[in-house]
Amino acid sequence: MSDESLRERLVGTWKLVSATREDVATGTKSDFLGADPVGFISYSADGRMIVLNVGGGRPKPQGTHPTAAEAEKLFRSMTSYAGSYTIDGNVITHHVDISWNEAWTGSEQKRVARFAGERAYLSTLPSIDPITGTMTVRTMEWEKVG
């Protein structure tokens, strides 16, 4: 698939279907955002992208403001960032301008893309997992909504 045909296929909004983590050392796979994650990723024709993903079944805080422990659990069950993107073959590079985790701001996040029917699969290269700190490959399955 050429860079331009991949761009044409990506442009739009995609809803998260699943998020799987594979531990590089053990090969163990898990649903890292739970069984029913919620998320959206949008790619625009002008080369911008934005993503927000949260774990399924996140509990609401007990009060109007989360306690420190509640806030930490909420923070650790999400990822969110925005920036520009470029394409090289089947690799999409997200150039992060703003992020839920300031360590990612200014970074490049590479995703290997593949398609099966109407679904897109975006996988990280083996890298340190921002939630667990272990070496993993994270694959997110997406369904186009717009």
Protein backbone atom coordinates (compact mmCIF):
# COMPACT_ATOMS: atom_id res chain seq x y z
CA MET A 1 0.00 0.00 0.00
CA SER A 2 1.42 3.38 -0.98
CA ASP A 3 1.78 6.20 1.56
CA GLU A 4 -1.04 8.10 -0.17
CA SER A 5 -3.44 5.14 -0.26
CA LEU A 6 -2.74 4.46 3.44
CA ARG A 7 -3.45 8.14 4.21
CA GLU A 8 -6.74 7.97 2.27
CA ARG A 9 -7.78 4.83 4.15
CA LEU A 10 -6.86 6.33 7.56
CA VAL A 11 -8.51 9.75 7.23
CA GLY A 12 -11.59 9.90 9.42
CA THR A 13 -12.60 8.86 12.91
CA TRP A 14 -12.12 5.36 14.28
CA LYS A 15 -13.69 3.78 17.39
CA LEU A 16 -11.61 1.51 19.61
CA VAL A 17 -12.68 -2.15 19.57
CA SER A 18 -9.88 -3.78 21.58
CA ALA A 19 -6.48 -3.02 23.08
CA THR A 20 -4.09 -5.93 23.52
CA ARG A 21 -0.70 -5.91 25.22
CA GLU A 22 1.88 -8.62 24.47
CA ASP A 23 4.76 -8.89 26.92
CA VAL A 24 7.93 -9.21 24.81
CA ALA A 25 9.76 -11.38 27.36
CA THR A 26 6.98 -13.91 28.01
CA GLY A 27 4.60 -13.61 25.04
CA THR A 28 1.72 -13.22 27.50
CA LYS A 29 -1.21 -11.28 26.05
CA SER A 30 -3.75 -9.23 27.98
CA ASP A 31 -6.48 -6.66 27.36
CA PHE A 32 -4.65 -3.68 28.79
CA LEU A 33 -7.69 -1.39 28.85
CA GLY A 34 -10.08 -4.13 29.98
CA ALA A 35 -12.71 -6.08 28.10
CA ASP A 36 -14.69 -3.03 26.93
CA PRO A 37 -12.29 -0.14 26.29
CA VAL A 38 -13.61 3.17 24.99
CA GLY A 39 -11.63 5.31 22.61
CA PHE A 40 -11.44 7.29 19.42
CA ILE A 41 -8.63 8.21 17.06
CA SER A 42 -9.06 10.75 14.28
CA TYR A 43 -6.79 11.41 11.35
CA SER A 44 -7.38 14.54 9.28
CA ALA A 45 -6.45 15.10 5.64
CA ASP A 46 -4.19 18.00 6.69
CA GLY A 47 -1.86 15.65 8.61
CA ARG A 48 -3.16 16.13 12.17
CA MET A 49 -4.31 13.40 14.57
CA ILE A 50 -5.84 13.10 18.03
CA VAL A 51 -6.51 10.07 20.21
CA LEU A 52 -8.25 9.45 23.55
CA ASN A 53 -8.57 5.96 25.04
CA VAL A 54 -9.86 4.88 28.43
CA GLY A 55 -10.31 1.53 30.11
CA GLY A 56 -13.75 0.00 30.16
CA GLY A 57 -15.73 0.10 33.39
CA ARG A 58 -13.80 2.91 35.04
CA PRO A 59 -15.41 3.76 38.38
CA LYS A 60 -16.64 7.30 38.95
CA PRO A 61 -15.14 9.16 41.89
CA GLN A 62 -17.18 8.99 45.09
CA GLY A 63 -17.48 12.77 45.28
CA THR A 64 -17.44 15.68 42.88
CA HIS A 65 -13.62 15.68 42.88
CA PRO A 66 -11.54 12.51 42.79
CA THR A 67 -9.32 11.68 45.73
CA ALA A 68 -5.61 11.32 44.99
CA ALA A 69 -6.02 7.53 44.78
CA GLU A 70 -9.07 7.81 42.49
CA ALA A 71 -7.28 10.33 40.27
CA GLU A 72 -4.25 8.04 39.95
CA LYS A 73 -6.45 5.09 38.92
CA LEU A 74 -8.22 7.26 36.34
CA PHE A 75 -4.90 8.59 34.98
CA ARG A 76 -3.40 5.10 34.73
CA SER A 77 -6.40 3.79 32.79
CA MET A 78 -6.12 6.24 29.90
CA THR A 79 -3.94 7.52 27.10
CA SER A 80 -4.46 10.71 25.16
CA TYR A 81 -2.38 12.81 22.83
CA ALA A 82 -2.50 14.92 19.68
CA GLY A 83 -0.12 16.15 17.02
CA SER A 84 0.77 15.67 13.40
CA TYR A 85 1.39 12.40 11.60
CA THR A 86 3.51 11.17 8.74
CA ILE A 87 3.45 7.90 6.83
CA ASP A 88 6.34 5.78 5.56
CA GLY A 89 5.21 2.48 4.05
CA ASN A 90 2.96 0.86 6.64
CA VAL A 91 4.43 2.86 9.56
CA ILE A 92 2.51 5.86 10.86
CA THR A 93 4.53 8.24 13.01
CA HIS A 94 2.59 10.39 15.46
CA HIS A 95 4.58 13.56 16.23
CA VAL A 96 3.21 14.36 19.69
CA ASP A 97 2.52 18.04 20.44
CA ILE A 98 0.46 17.51 23.61
CA SER A 99 -0.08 14.46 25.81
CA TRP A 100 -1.72 13.10 28.95
CA ASN A 101 1.79 12.01 29.95
CA GLU A 102 4.24 14.88 29.60
CA ALA A 103 7.03 12.35 28.91
CA TRP A 104 5.40 11.77 25.50
CA THR A 105 5.09 15.46 24.56
CA GLY A 106 7.66 16.15 21.83
CA SER A 107 8.14 12.43 21.14
CA GLU A 108 7.47 10.35 18.06
CA GLN A 109 5.13 7.40 18.49
CA LYS A 110 5.41 4.87 15.67
CA ARG A 111 2.51 2.57 14.77
CA VAL A 112 2.59 -0.30 12.30
CA ALA A 113 -0.69 -0.35 10.38
CA ARG A 114 -2.54 -3.28 8.86
CA PHE A 115 -6.12 -3.68 7.72
CA ALA A 116 -8.55 -6.58 7.70
CA GLY A 117 -11.88 -5.76 6.10
CA GLU A 118 -13.23 -2.58 7.68
CA ARG A 119 -10.92 -2.81 10.70
CA ALA A 120 -7.57 -1.12 11.23
CA TYR A 121 -4.91 -2.56 13.53
CA LEU A 122 -2.26 -0.18 14.84
CA SER A 123 0.64 -1.78 16.72
CA THR A 124 3.55 -0.24 18.54
CA LEU A 125 7.06 -1.39 17.92
CA PRO A 126 8.48 -3.26 20.94
CA SER A 127 8.78 -0.48 23.51
CA ILE A 128 8.43 0.42 27.16
CA ASP A 129 4.76 0.34 28.10
CA PRO A 130 3.76 3.76 29.50
CA ILE A 131 1.49 2.13 32.08
CA THR A 132 3.50 -0.92 33.27
CA GLY A 133 7.07 0.11 32.42
CA THR A 134 7.73 -3.31 30.82
CA MET A 135 8.75 -4.05 27.22
CA THR A 136 5.58 -4.78 25.25
CA VAL A 137 3.88 -4.54 21.88
CA ARG A 138 0.45 -2.90 22.12
CA THR A 139 -2.08 -3.50 19.37
CA MET A 140 -5.28 -1.52 19.07
CA GLU A 141 -8.12 -2.65 16.86
CA TRP A 142 -10.24 0.14 15.36
CA GLU A 143 -13.57 0.33 13.52
CA LYS A 144 -14.21 3.31 11.25
CA VAL A 145 -17.12 5.54 12.30
CA GLY A 146 -16.64 8.55 10.07
